[in-house]
Amino acid sequence: MKILSIIILSLFSATIYGQEIKPEFDGHKWEAPYTLPVPKDWTIERFPIPISFAPQISYKGIEDIRFTPGWGKINSEEYWSYAFLWYLEGEVEINSKIIDNNLKAYFTGLIGINGRNIPVEKLIPVEVSFREIKKDKDDLKTFVGTIQMTDYMQQKPIVLNCKVHLRSCIGESKTFIFHEFSPQPFSHNIWMGLDKLWLDFKCKND
């Protein structure tokens, strides 16, 4: 079951390149004004921001998700490996502390929705820690970090490694924040696939 299958979208209305985003927003029909690949057998989901399960994150835009084929398969090397792009209105400030706060709110809310039946004693607080590193090509800033949390699918602790990329596109008042996640170490080949999503990203006018 994908993350969003039980999420009720919050009321939201915004305009993105002339397209009005309404509560009945259909992420599969929405035409993104950028290119973010969907590799073979990967799946895609999109929903509006503000995010219903993390209203503390006060941006406006779209979350555009890419799930590896093994994302929800416990015995797969791709388990919990996925990525999402935040396509945001305006110029958004990002630093390590802001990422910590945003992703703590995000995963706390996600676990709250998907982990309602987890015994209290199995739940652990979400802990997030990021640092800025030498920026990747075309990034404005690049960060790496970890997210310690409860894996609501197995009801046990998990640590996700993460990369976060900040970018803008010439002539657009938009901010692109791309997040990559996996419990695998950065040396694992799963990161080649996640990284390639961002390497192949293209702005509207590229």
N, C-alpha and C. Protein backbone atom coordinates (compact mmCIF):
# COMPACT_ATOMS: atom_id res chain seq x y z
N MET A 1 0.84 -1.19 0.00
CA MET A 1 0.00 0.00 0.00
C MET A 1 0.88 1.24 0.00
N LYS A 2 0.63 2.15 -0.89
CA LYS A 2 1.43 3.34 -0.98
C LYS A 2 1.06 4.32 0.13
N ILE A 3 1.97 5.26 0.38
CA ILE A 3 1.83 6.20 1.48
C ILE A 3 0.50 6.94 1.45
N LEU A 4 0.07 7.34 0.27
CA LEU A 4 -1.06 8.25 0.19
C LEU A 4 -2.41 7.57 0.10
N SER A 5 -2.43 6.26 0.16
CA SER A 5 -3.69 5.56 -0.07
C SER A 5 -4.72 5.85 1.00
N ILE A 6 -4.29 6.27 2.18
CA ILE A 6 -5.26 6.53 3.24
C ILE A 6 -5.24 7.98 3.70
N ILE A 7 -4.59 8.82 2.90
CA ILE A 7 -4.51 10.23 3.29
C ILE A 7 -5.66 11.01 2.65
N ILE A 8 -6.35 11.82 3.44
CA ILE A 8 -7.40 12.69 2.93
C ILE A 8 -6.76 14.02 2.59
N LEU A 9 -6.87 14.44 1.34
CA LEU A 9 -6.24 15.68 0.92
C LEU A 9 -6.92 16.88 1.58
N SER A 10 -6.12 17.81 2.06
CA SER A 10 -6.64 19.03 2.67
C SER A 10 -7.16 19.97 1.59
N LEU A 11 -8.07 20.87 1.98
CA LEU A 11 -8.57 21.85 1.05
C LEU A 11 -7.44 22.78 0.65
N PHE A 12 -7.32 23.00 -0.63
CA PHE A 12 -6.16 23.74 -1.12
C PHE A 12 -6.51 24.37 -2.45
N SER A 13 -6.15 25.62 -2.62
CA SER A 13 -6.37 26.25 -3.91
C SER A 13 -5.21 27.17 -4.22
N ALA A 14 -4.58 26.92 -5.35
CA ALA A 14 -3.45 27.75 -5.77
C ALA A 14 -3.39 27.70 -7.28
N THR A 15 -2.57 28.53 -7.87
CA THR A 15 -2.42 28.53 -9.31
C THR A 15 -0.99 28.22 -9.67
N ILE A 16 -0.78 27.20 -10.51
CA ILE A 16 0.55 26.84 -10.95
C ILE A 16 0.54 26.83 -12.47
N TYR A 17 1.21 27.82 -13.04
CA TYR A 17 1.24 27.98 -14.49
C TYR A 17 -0.18 27.94 -15.07
N GLY A 18 -1.09 28.66 -14.42
CA GLY A 18 -2.44 28.76 -14.93
C GLY A 18 -3.34 27.61 -14.59
N GLN A 19 -2.84 26.62 -13.88
CA GLN A 19 -3.66 25.46 -13.53
C GLN A 19 -4.12 25.62 -12.09
N GLU A 20 -5.40 25.59 -11.88
CA GLU A 20 -5.93 25.76 -10.53
C GLU A 20 -5.90 24.43 -9.79
N ILE A 21 -5.32 24.43 -8.58
CA ILE A 21 -5.24 23.23 -7.77
C ILE A 21 -6.42 23.24 -6.80
N LYS A 22 -7.28 22.26 -6.88
CA LYS A 22 -8.47 22.19 -6.06
C LYS A 22 -8.45 20.91 -5.24
N PRO A 23 -9.41 20.78 -4.28
CA PRO A 23 -9.43 19.56 -3.47
C PRO A 23 -9.51 18.28 -4.28
N GLU A 24 -10.11 18.34 -5.47
CA GLU A 24 -10.22 17.14 -6.30
C GLU A 24 -9.00 16.95 -7.20
N PHE A 25 -7.92 17.61 -6.87
CA PHE A 25 -6.68 17.51 -7.63
C PHE A 25 -6.35 16.05 -7.94
N ASP A 26 -6.07 15.78 -9.22
CA ASP A 26 -5.71 14.44 -9.67
C ASP A 26 -4.25 14.45 -10.10
N GLY A 27 -3.40 13.91 -9.25
CA GLY A 27 -1.98 13.93 -9.51
C GLY A 27 -1.54 13.16 -10.73
N HIS A 28 -2.36 12.20 -11.18
CA HIS A 28 -2.00 11.41 -12.36
C HIS A 28 -2.33 12.15 -13.65
N LYS A 29 -3.20 13.16 -13.57
CA LYS A 29 -3.56 13.92 -14.75
C LYS A 29 -2.85 15.27 -14.81
N TRP A 30 -2.34 15.70 -13.66
CA TRP A 30 -1.65 16.99 -13.61
C TRP A 30 -0.40 16.95 -14.48
N GLU A 31 -0.22 17.96 -15.32
CA GLU A 31 0.93 18.03 -16.22
C GLU A 31 2.00 18.90 -15.58
N ALA A 32 3.07 18.27 -15.15
CA ALA A 32 4.15 18.99 -14.46
C ALA A 32 4.87 19.94 -15.41
N PRO A 33 5.15 21.16 -15.00
CA PRO A 33 5.89 22.12 -15.83
C PRO A 33 7.40 21.95 -15.67
N TYR A 34 7.84 20.74 -15.63
CA TYR A 34 9.25 20.35 -15.53
C TYR A 34 9.31 18.88 -15.91
N THR A 35 10.52 18.33 -16.04
CA THR A 35 10.68 16.91 -16.33
C THR A 35 11.36 16.22 -15.16
N LEU A 36 10.69 15.23 -14.57
CA LEU A 36 11.27 14.37 -13.55
C LEU A 36 10.94 12.94 -13.97
N PRO A 37 11.93 12.14 -14.34
CA PRO A 37 11.67 10.83 -14.94
C PRO A 37 10.89 9.88 -14.03
N VAL A 38 10.25 8.92 -14.68
CA VAL A 38 9.61 7.80 -13.98
C VAL A 38 10.25 6.53 -14.55
N PRO A 39 11.26 5.96 -13.88
CA PRO A 39 11.93 4.76 -14.41
C PRO A 39 10.97 3.58 -14.53
N LYS A 40 11.34 2.61 -15.34
CA LYS A 40 10.51 1.42 -15.56
C LYS A 40 10.20 0.74 -14.24
N ASP A 41 8.92 0.43 -14.02
CA ASP A 41 8.38 -0.27 -12.86
C ASP A 41 8.33 0.59 -11.60
N TRP A 42 8.80 1.83 -11.65
CA TRP A 42 8.62 2.74 -10.53
C TRP A 42 7.19 3.28 -10.58
N THR A 43 6.69 3.74 -9.46
CA THR A 43 5.34 4.32 -9.42
C THR A 43 5.42 5.77 -8.98
N ILE A 44 4.35 6.48 -9.27
CA ILE A 44 4.32 7.92 -9.06
C ILE A 44 3.06 8.31 -8.29
N GLU A 45 3.19 9.28 -7.41
CA GLU A 45 2.03 9.90 -6.77
C GLU A 45 2.32 11.38 -6.59
N ARG A 46 1.26 12.17 -6.64
CA ARG A 46 1.38 13.62 -6.46
C ARG A 46 0.23 14.11 -5.60
N PHE A 47 0.51 15.11 -4.79
CA PHE A 47 -0.57 15.75 -4.04
C PHE A 47 -0.20 17.19 -3.71
N PRO A 48 -1.19 18.00 -3.36
CA PRO A 48 -0.93 19.42 -3.11
C PRO A 48 -0.20 19.65 -1.79
N ILE A 49 0.54 20.73 -1.73
CA ILE A 49 1.12 21.27 -0.52
C ILE A 49 0.42 22.60 -0.28
N PRO A 50 -0.06 22.97 0.94
CA PRO A 50 0.19 22.35 2.23
C PRO A 50 -0.22 20.88 2.31
N ILE A 51 0.51 20.13 3.12
CA ILE A 51 0.32 18.69 3.25
C ILE A 51 -0.66 18.42 4.38
N SER A 52 -1.67 17.61 4.12
CA SER A 52 -2.72 17.40 5.10
C SER A 52 -2.21 16.83 6.42
N PHE A 53 -1.19 15.93 6.35
CA PHE A 53 -0.71 15.30 7.57
C PHE A 53 0.46 16.06 8.22
N ALA A 54 0.89 17.17 7.58
CA ALA A 54 1.97 17.98 8.14
C ALA A 54 1.70 19.46 7.87
N PRO A 55 0.63 20.00 8.45
CA PRO A 55 0.24 21.39 8.16
C PRO A 55 1.26 22.42 8.66
N GLN A 56 2.19 21.99 9.52
CA GLN A 56 3.22 22.93 10.00
C GLN A 56 4.12 23.39 8.87
N ILE A 57 4.22 22.59 7.80
CA ILE A 57 5.04 22.96 6.65
C ILE A 57 4.21 23.90 5.79
N SER A 58 4.53 25.18 5.83
CA SER A 58 3.61 26.19 5.33
C SER A 58 3.86 26.61 3.88
N TYR A 59 4.41 25.72 3.07
CA TYR A 59 4.64 26.04 1.67
C TYR A 59 3.37 25.83 0.85
N LYS A 60 3.40 26.31 -0.39
CA LYS A 60 2.35 26.04 -1.36
C LYS A 60 2.97 25.47 -2.63
N GLY A 61 2.39 24.41 -3.11
CA GLY A 61 2.93 23.80 -4.32
C GLY A 61 2.43 22.38 -4.51
N ILE A 62 3.33 21.52 -5.00
CA ILE A 62 3.00 20.13 -5.30
C ILE A 62 4.13 19.23 -4.79
N GLU A 63 3.77 18.08 -4.20
CA GLU A 63 4.75 17.04 -3.91
C GLU A 63 4.63 15.98 -5.00
N ASP A 64 5.76 15.65 -5.61
CA ASP A 64 5.80 14.74 -6.75
C ASP A 64 6.72 13.57 -6.37
N ILE A 65 6.13 12.37 -6.17
CA ILE A 65 6.83 11.24 -5.56
C ILE A 65 7.20 10.18 -6.59
N ARG A 66 8.37 9.55 -6.39
CA ARG A 66 8.80 8.40 -7.19
C ARG A 66 9.14 7.25 -6.24
N PHE A 67 8.39 6.15 -6.34
CA PHE A 67 8.62 4.97 -5.51
C PHE A 67 9.39 3.90 -6.28
N THR A 68 10.44 3.38 -5.71
CA THR A 68 11.11 2.22 -6.31
C THR A 68 10.15 1.04 -6.33
N PRO A 69 10.36 0.06 -7.22
CA PRO A 69 9.47 -1.11 -7.27
C PRO A 69 9.40 -1.86 -5.94
N GLY A 70 10.50 -1.84 -5.17
CA GLY A 70 10.51 -2.59 -3.91
C GLY A 70 10.24 -1.76 -2.69
N TRP A 71 9.73 -0.55 -2.88
CA TRP A 71 9.53 0.39 -1.76
C TRP A 71 8.81 -0.25 -0.56
N GLY A 72 7.73 -0.95 -0.81
CA GLY A 72 6.93 -1.51 0.28
C GLY A 72 7.15 -2.99 0.53
N LYS A 73 8.21 -3.56 -0.06
CA LYS A 73 8.47 -5.00 0.09
C LYS A 73 9.58 -5.21 1.11
N ILE A 74 9.22 -5.80 2.24
CA ILE A 74 10.13 -5.90 3.38
C ILE A 74 11.44 -6.58 3.03
N ASN A 75 11.42 -7.58 2.17
CA ASN A 75 12.63 -8.34 1.85
C ASN A 75 13.41 -7.78 0.66
N SER A 76 12.99 -6.66 0.14
CA SER A 76 13.65 -6.07 -1.02
C SER A 76 14.78 -5.13 -0.58
N GLU A 77 15.85 -5.08 -1.37
CA GLU A 77 16.92 -4.11 -1.13
C GLU A 77 16.43 -2.68 -1.35
N GLU A 78 15.29 -2.54 -2.03
CA GLU A 78 14.73 -1.22 -2.31
C GLU A 78 13.73 -0.76 -1.25
N TYR A 79 13.54 -1.56 -0.22
CA TYR A 79 12.57 -1.25 0.84
C TYR A 79 12.80 0.17 1.37
N TRP A 80 11.74 0.95 1.46
CA TRP A 80 11.76 2.32 1.96
C TRP A 80 12.67 3.24 1.14
N SER A 81 12.94 2.86 -0.10
CA SER A 81 13.78 3.70 -0.97
C SER A 81 12.88 4.43 -1.97
N TYR A 82 12.88 5.73 -1.88
CA TYR A 82 12.02 6.52 -2.76
C TYR A 82 12.51 7.96 -2.77
N ALA A 83 11.85 8.81 -3.52
CA ALA A 83 12.24 10.21 -3.62
C ALA A 83 11.01 11.06 -3.86
N PHE A 84 11.09 12.30 -3.44
CA PHE A 84 10.01 13.22 -3.82
C PHE A 84 10.56 14.62 -4.03
N LEU A 85 9.91 15.32 -4.96
CA LEU A 85 10.22 16.70 -5.29
C LEU A 85 9.15 17.60 -4.71
N TRP A 86 9.57 18.64 -4.02
CA TRP A 86 8.65 19.71 -3.63
C TRP A 86 8.81 20.83 -4.65
N TYR A 87 7.76 21.08 -5.39
CA TYR A 87 7.69 22.15 -6.39
C TYR A 87 6.91 23.28 -5.75
N LEU A 88 7.59 24.34 -5.36
CA LEU A 88 7.02 25.32 -4.45
C LEU A 88 6.88 26.71 -5.07
N GLU A 89 5.86 27.42 -4.63
CA GLU A 89 5.65 28.80 -5.04
C GLU A 89 6.71 29.70 -4.42
N GLY A 90 7.27 30.60 -5.22
CA GLY A 90 8.16 31.63 -4.70
C GLY A 90 9.56 31.12 -4.39
N GLU A 91 10.35 32.02 -3.81
CA GLU A 91 11.70 31.69 -3.39
C GLU A 91 11.66 31.27 -1.92
N VAL A 92 12.06 30.05 -1.65
CA VAL A 92 11.96 29.48 -0.30
C VAL A 92 13.36 29.34 0.29
N GLU A 93 13.54 29.85 1.50
CA GLU A 93 14.83 29.71 2.19
C GLU A 93 14.98 28.29 2.72
N ILE A 94 16.16 27.72 2.52
CA ILE A 94 16.43 26.37 3.01
C ILE A 94 17.82 26.33 3.65
N ASN A 95 17.89 25.76 4.85
CA ASN A 95 19.16 25.46 5.49
C ASN A 95 18.98 24.17 6.29
N SER A 96 20.03 23.72 6.95
CA SER A 96 19.97 22.43 7.65
C SER A 96 18.86 22.41 8.70
N LYS A 97 18.73 23.50 9.45
CA LYS A 97 17.72 23.54 10.52
C LYS A 97 16.31 23.49 9.95
N ILE A 98 16.09 24.19 8.85
CA ILE A 98 14.75 24.18 8.23
C ILE A 98 14.42 22.78 7.72
N ILE A 99 15.40 22.12 7.12
CA ILE A 99 15.17 20.74 6.66
C ILE A 99 14.85 19.83 7.85
N ASP A 100 15.62 19.97 8.93
CA ASP A 100 15.35 19.18 10.14
C ASP A 100 13.90 19.34 10.57
N ASN A 101 13.45 20.59 10.67
CA ASN A 101 12.09 20.86 11.15
C ASN A 101 11.04 20.36 10.17
N ASN A 102 11.26 20.60 8.88
CA ASN A 102 10.28 20.17 7.88
C ASN A 102 10.11 18.66 7.87
N LEU A 103 11.23 17.93 7.84
CA LEU A 103 11.12 16.47 7.73
C LEU A 103 10.71 15.82 9.04
N LYS A 104 11.01 16.46 10.16
CA LYS A 104 10.49 15.94 11.42
C LYS A 104 8.97 16.04 11.44
N ALA A 105 8.44 17.18 11.01
CA ALA A 105 6.99 17.34 10.94
C ALA A 105 6.38 16.38 9.93
N TYR A 106 7.05 16.22 8.79
CA TYR A 106 6.55 15.36 7.72
C TYR A 106 6.42 13.91 8.18
N PHE A 107 7.50 13.35 8.71
CA PHE A 107 7.49 11.93 9.07
C PHE A 107 6.71 11.67 10.37
N THR A 108 6.66 12.64 11.26
CA THR A 108 5.82 12.49 12.44
C THR A 108 4.36 12.38 12.02
N GLY A 109 3.95 13.24 11.08
CA GLY A 109 2.58 13.19 10.59
C GLY A 109 2.29 11.94 9.79
N LEU A 110 3.26 11.53 8.98
CA LEU A 110 3.09 10.32 8.16
C LEU A 110 2.90 9.08 9.03
N ILE A 111 3.72 8.98 10.07
CA ILE A 111 3.59 7.84 10.98
C ILE A 111 2.29 7.93 11.77
N GLY A 112 1.89 9.15 12.12
CA GLY A 112 0.63 9.32 12.84
C GLY A 112 -0.56 8.81 12.06
N ILE A 113 -0.53 8.99 10.74
CA ILE A 113 -1.65 8.54 9.90
C ILE A 113 -1.56 7.04 9.61
N ASN A 114 -0.36 6.56 9.29
CA ASN A 114 -0.21 5.16 8.89
C ASN A 114 0.04 4.21 10.05
N GLY A 115 0.35 4.74 11.22
CA GLY A 115 0.68 3.89 12.35
C GLY A 115 -0.29 3.95 13.50
N ARG A 116 -1.55 4.20 13.18
CA ARG A 116 -2.55 4.34 14.25
C ARG A 116 -2.68 3.09 15.11
N ASN A 117 -2.38 1.94 14.54
CA ASN A 117 -2.55 0.68 15.29
C ASN A 117 -1.26 0.17 15.92
N ILE A 118 -0.20 0.96 15.85
CA ILE A 118 1.06 0.55 16.46
C ILE A 118 1.00 0.76 17.96
N PRO A 119 1.34 -0.24 18.77
CA PRO A 119 1.36 -0.06 20.22
C PRO A 119 2.28 1.09 20.62
N VAL A 120 1.88 1.84 21.62
CA VAL A 120 2.64 3.02 22.04
C VAL A 120 4.09 2.67 22.35
N GLU A 121 4.31 1.51 22.96
CA GLU A 121 5.66 1.13 23.35
C GLU A 121 6.58 0.87 22.15
N LYS A 122 6.02 0.72 20.96
CA LYS A 122 6.83 0.50 19.77
C LYS A 122 7.13 1.79 19.01
N LEU A 123 6.51 2.87 19.42
CA LEU A 123 6.72 4.14 18.74
C LEU A 123 7.92 4.88 19.33
N ILE A 124 8.73 5.45 18.47
CA ILE A 124 9.85 6.26 18.92
C ILE A 124 9.71 7.65 18.31
N PRO A 125 10.20 8.69 18.98
CA PRO A 125 10.13 10.03 18.39
C PRO A 125 10.96 10.11 17.12
N VAL A 126 10.50 10.90 16.18
CA VAL A 126 11.25 11.12 14.95
C VAL A 126 12.43 12.05 15.26
N GLU A 127 13.62 11.62 14.89
CA GLU A 127 14.83 12.43 15.08
C GLU A 127 15.48 12.67 13.72
N VAL A 128 15.73 13.93 13.42
CA VAL A 128 16.25 14.31 12.10
C VAL A 128 17.52 15.14 12.27
N SER A 129 18.53 14.83 11.47
CA SER A 129 19.78 15.58 11.54
C SER A 129 20.38 15.74 10.15
N PHE A 130 20.57 16.99 9.71
CA PHE A 130 21.11 17.28 8.38
C PHE A 130 22.29 18.24 8.47
N ARG A 131 23.13 18.18 7.44
CA ARG A 131 24.24 19.11 7.32
C ARG A 131 24.43 19.45 5.84
N GLU A 132 24.91 20.66 5.60
CA GLU A 132 25.17 21.08 4.22
C GLU A 132 26.51 20.54 3.77
N ILE A 133 26.59 20.11 2.52
CA ILE A 133 27.83 19.59 1.94
C ILE A 133 28.14 20.35 0.66
N LYS A 134 29.25 20.01 0.03
CA LYS A 134 29.59 20.61 -1.25
C LYS A 134 28.45 20.38 -2.23
N LYS A 135 27.99 21.43 -2.88
CA LYS A 135 26.78 21.31 -3.70
C LYS A 135 27.04 20.49 -4.96
N ASP A 136 26.01 19.69 -5.30
CA ASP A 136 26.05 18.94 -6.54
C ASP A 136 25.88 19.88 -7.73
N LYS A 137 26.20 19.37 -8.91
CA LYS A 137 26.06 20.16 -10.12
C LYS A 137 24.65 20.71 -10.27
N ASP A 138 24.54 22.00 -10.55
CA ASP A 138 23.28 22.73 -10.78
C ASP A 138 22.49 22.99 -9.50
N ASP A 139 22.90 22.46 -8.37
CA ASP A 139 22.22 22.74 -7.11
C ASP A 139 22.61 24.13 -6.60
N LEU A 140 21.67 24.77 -5.91
CA LEU A 140 22.01 25.96 -5.14
C LEU A 140 22.63 25.55 -3.81
N LYS A 141 22.09 24.48 -3.23
CA LYS A 141 22.63 23.90 -2.01
C LYS A 141 22.35 22.40 -2.03
N THR A 142 23.19 21.64 -1.33
CA THR A 142 23.01 20.19 -1.21
C THR A 142 23.24 19.81 0.24
N PHE A 143 22.42 18.87 0.73
CA PHE A 143 22.49 18.46 2.13
C PHE A 143 22.43 16.93 2.22
N VAL A 144 22.99 16.38 3.28
CA VAL A 144 22.81 14.97 3.60
C VAL A 144 22.41 14.87 5.07
N GLY A 145 21.72 13.78 5.41
CA GLY A 145 21.31 13.60 6.79
C GLY A 145 20.67 12.25 7.02
N THR A 146 20.11 12.11 8.22
CA THR A 146 19.44 10.88 8.62
C THR A 146 18.10 11.19 9.28
N ILE A 147 17.21 10.21 9.18
CA ILE A 147 15.91 10.29 9.84
C ILE A 147 15.73 9.00 10.63
N GLN A 148 15.66 9.11 11.93
CA GLN A 148 15.40 7.96 12.80
C GLN A 148 13.92 8.00 13.17
N MET A 149 13.23 6.88 12.96
CA MET A 149 11.78 6.89 13.16
C MET A 149 11.28 5.46 13.31
N THR A 150 9.97 5.35 13.47
CA THR A 150 9.32 4.04 13.51
C THR A 150 8.88 3.65 12.10
N ASP A 151 9.32 2.49 11.66
CA ASP A 151 8.86 1.93 10.39
C ASP A 151 7.46 1.38 10.65
N TYR A 152 6.44 2.09 10.17
CA TYR A 152 5.07 1.68 10.48
C TYR A 152 4.67 0.39 9.77
N MET A 153 5.42 -0.03 8.76
CA MET A 153 5.10 -1.29 8.08
C MET A 153 5.57 -2.50 8.88
N GLN A 154 6.69 -2.36 9.58
CA GLN A 154 7.21 -3.47 10.39
C GLN A 154 7.09 -3.21 11.89
N GLN A 155 6.65 -2.01 12.24
CA GLN A 155 6.48 -1.62 13.64
C GLN A 155 7.78 -1.77 14.43
N LYS A 156 8.86 -1.26 13.85
CA LYS A 156 10.15 -1.28 14.53
C LYS A 156 10.98 -0.10 14.04
N PRO A 157 12.04 0.27 14.76
CA PRO A 157 12.84 1.43 14.37
C PRO A 157 13.52 1.23 13.01
N ILE A 158 13.71 2.35 12.33
CA ILE A 158 14.43 2.35 11.07
C ILE A 158 15.18 3.67 10.96
N VAL A 159 16.30 3.66 10.27
CA VAL A 159 17.04 4.89 9.98
C VAL A 159 17.11 5.06 8.47
N LEU A 160 16.60 6.17 7.99
CA LEU A 160 16.67 6.50 6.57
C LEU A 160 17.82 7.46 6.33
N ASN A 161 18.71 7.11 5.40
CA ASN A 161 19.67 8.08 4.92
C ASN A 161 18.98 8.96 3.88
N CYS A 162 19.46 10.19 3.76
CA CYS A 162 18.73 11.13 2.91
C CYS A 162 19.67 12.15 2.27
N LYS A 163 19.34 12.51 1.04
CA LYS A 163 19.97 13.65 0.37
C LYS A 163 18.88 14.66 0.02
N VAL A 164 19.22 15.92 0.12
CA VAL A 164 18.28 16.99 -0.22
C VAL A 164 18.99 17.99 -1.13
N HIS A 165 18.32 18.33 -2.23
CA HIS A 165 18.89 19.23 -3.24
C HIS A 165 17.97 20.44 -3.40
N LEU A 166 18.57 21.62 -3.45
CA LEU A 166 17.83 22.86 -3.67
C LEU A 166 18.21 23.43 -5.03
N ARG A 167 17.20 23.80 -5.82
CA ARG A 167 17.46 24.33 -7.15
C ARG A 167 16.38 25.33 -7.53
N SER A 168 16.70 26.22 -8.44
CA SER A 168 15.71 27.10 -9.05
C SER A 168 15.88 27.00 -10.56
N CYS A 169 14.88 27.50 -11.29
CA CYS A 169 14.94 27.51 -12.75
C CYS A 169 14.91 28.94 -13.24
N ILE A 170 15.72 29.24 -14.22
CA ILE A 170 15.83 30.62 -14.73
C ILE A 170 14.47 31.12 -15.22
N GLY A 171 14.11 32.32 -14.79
CA GLY A 171 12.88 32.94 -15.24
C GLY A 171 11.63 32.48 -14.53
N GLU A 172 11.77 31.65 -13.50
CA GLU A 172 10.61 31.14 -12.77
C GLU A 172 10.71 31.53 -11.30
N SER A 173 9.63 31.99 -10.74
CA SER A 173 9.57 32.28 -9.31
C SER A 173 9.09 31.03 -8.58
N LYS A 174 9.90 29.99 -8.67
CA LYS A 174 9.59 28.69 -8.07
C LYS A 174 10.83 28.16 -7.35
N THR A 175 10.62 27.29 -6.40
CA THR A 175 11.71 26.62 -5.71
C THR A 175 11.52 25.12 -5.84
N PHE A 176 12.59 24.40 -6.14
CA PHE A 176 12.57 22.95 -6.29
C PHE A 176 13.43 22.34 -5.18
N ILE A 177 12.81 21.51 -4.34
CA ILE A 177 13.55 20.82 -3.29
C ILE A 177 13.34 19.33 -3.50
N PHE A 178 14.44 18.65 -3.85
CA PHE A 178 14.37 17.23 -4.17
C PHE A 178 14.95 16.42 -3.02
N HIS A 179 14.18 15.41 -2.55
CA HIS A 179 14.56 14.58 -1.41
C HIS A 179 14.73 13.13 -1.87
N GLU A 180 15.83 12.49 -1.45
CA GLU A 180 16.07 11.07 -1.72
C GLU A 180 16.19 10.33 -0.39
N PHE A 181 15.55 9.16 -0.30
CA PHE A 181 15.54 8.41 0.97
C PHE A 181 15.85 6.94 0.74
N SER A 182 16.61 6.35 1.63
CA SER A 182 16.81 4.90 1.66
C SER A 182 17.49 4.50 2.96
N PRO A 183 17.12 3.35 3.52
CA PRO A 183 17.87 2.83 4.67
C PRO A 183 19.23 2.27 4.26
N GLN A 184 19.45 2.12 2.97
CA GLN A 184 20.73 1.60 2.50
C GLN A 184 21.82 2.67 2.64
N PRO A 185 23.08 2.24 2.88
CA PRO A 185 24.18 3.21 2.95
C PRO A 185 24.37 3.88 1.59
N PHE A 186 25.00 5.07 1.61
CA PHE A 186 25.19 5.82 0.37
C PHE A 186 26.05 5.08 -0.64
N SER A 187 26.78 4.08 -0.20
CA SER A 187 27.61 3.28 -1.10
C SER A 187 26.80 2.23 -1.86
N HIS A 188 25.55 1.98 -1.48
CA HIS A 188 24.72 0.97 -2.11
C HIS A 188 24.26 1.45 -3.49
N ASN A 189 24.09 0.51 -4.41
CA ASN A 189 23.75 0.90 -5.79
C ASN A 189 22.34 1.47 -5.92
N ILE A 190 21.49 1.35 -4.91
CA ILE A 190 20.16 1.96 -4.97
C ILE A 190 20.27 3.47 -5.17
N TRP A 191 21.35 4.05 -4.64
CA TRP A 191 21.51 5.50 -4.75
C TRP A 191 21.81 5.94 -6.17
N MET A 192 22.31 5.05 -7.00
CA MET A 192 22.53 5.40 -8.40
C MET A 192 21.20 5.72 -9.08
N GLY A 193 20.19 4.90 -8.79
CA GLY A 193 18.88 5.13 -9.37
C GLY A 193 18.21 6.37 -8.83
N LEU A 194 18.33 6.59 -7.51
CA LEU A 194 17.74 7.78 -6.91
C LEU A 194 18.43 9.04 -7.42
N ASP A 195 19.76 9.02 -7.47
CA ASP A 195 20.50 10.18 -7.95
C ASP A 195 20.19 10.49 -9.40
N LYS A 196 19.98 9.44 -10.19
CA LYS A 196 19.74 9.66 -11.63
C LYS A 196 18.44 10.43 -11.88
N LEU A 197 17.46 10.25 -10.99
CA LEU A 197 16.23 11.03 -11.12
C LEU A 197 16.55 12.52 -11.16
N TRP A 198 17.42 12.93 -10.25
CA TRP A 198 17.76 14.35 -10.16
C TRP A 198 18.70 14.77 -11.28
N LEU A 199 19.60 13.89 -11.66
CA LEU A 199 20.50 14.20 -12.77
C LEU A 199 19.71 14.44 -14.06
N ASP A 200 18.59 13.74 -14.21
CA ASP A 200 17.78 13.83 -15.43
C ASP A 200 16.66 14.88 -15.31
N PHE A 201 16.57 15.54 -14.16
CA PHE A 201 15.57 16.60 -13.99
C PHE A 201 15.84 17.73 -14.98
N LYS A 202 14.78 18.28 -15.54
CA LYS A 202 14.92 19.42 -16.46
C LYS A 202 13.88 20.49 -16.14
N CYS A 203 14.32 21.73 -16.18
CA CYS A 203 13.40 22.85 -16.02
C CYS A 203 12.49 22.95 -17.24
N LYS A 204 11.46 23.74 -17.10
CA LYS A 204 10.48 23.92 -18.18
C LYS A 204 11.13 24.36 -19.48
N ASN A 205 12.11 25.24 -19.37
CA ASN A 205 12.70 25.84 -20.58
C ASN A 205 14.03 25.23 -20.97
N ASP A 206 14.43 24.13 -20.36
CA ASP A 206 15.69 23.46 -20.73
C ASP A 206 15.59 22.81 -22.11
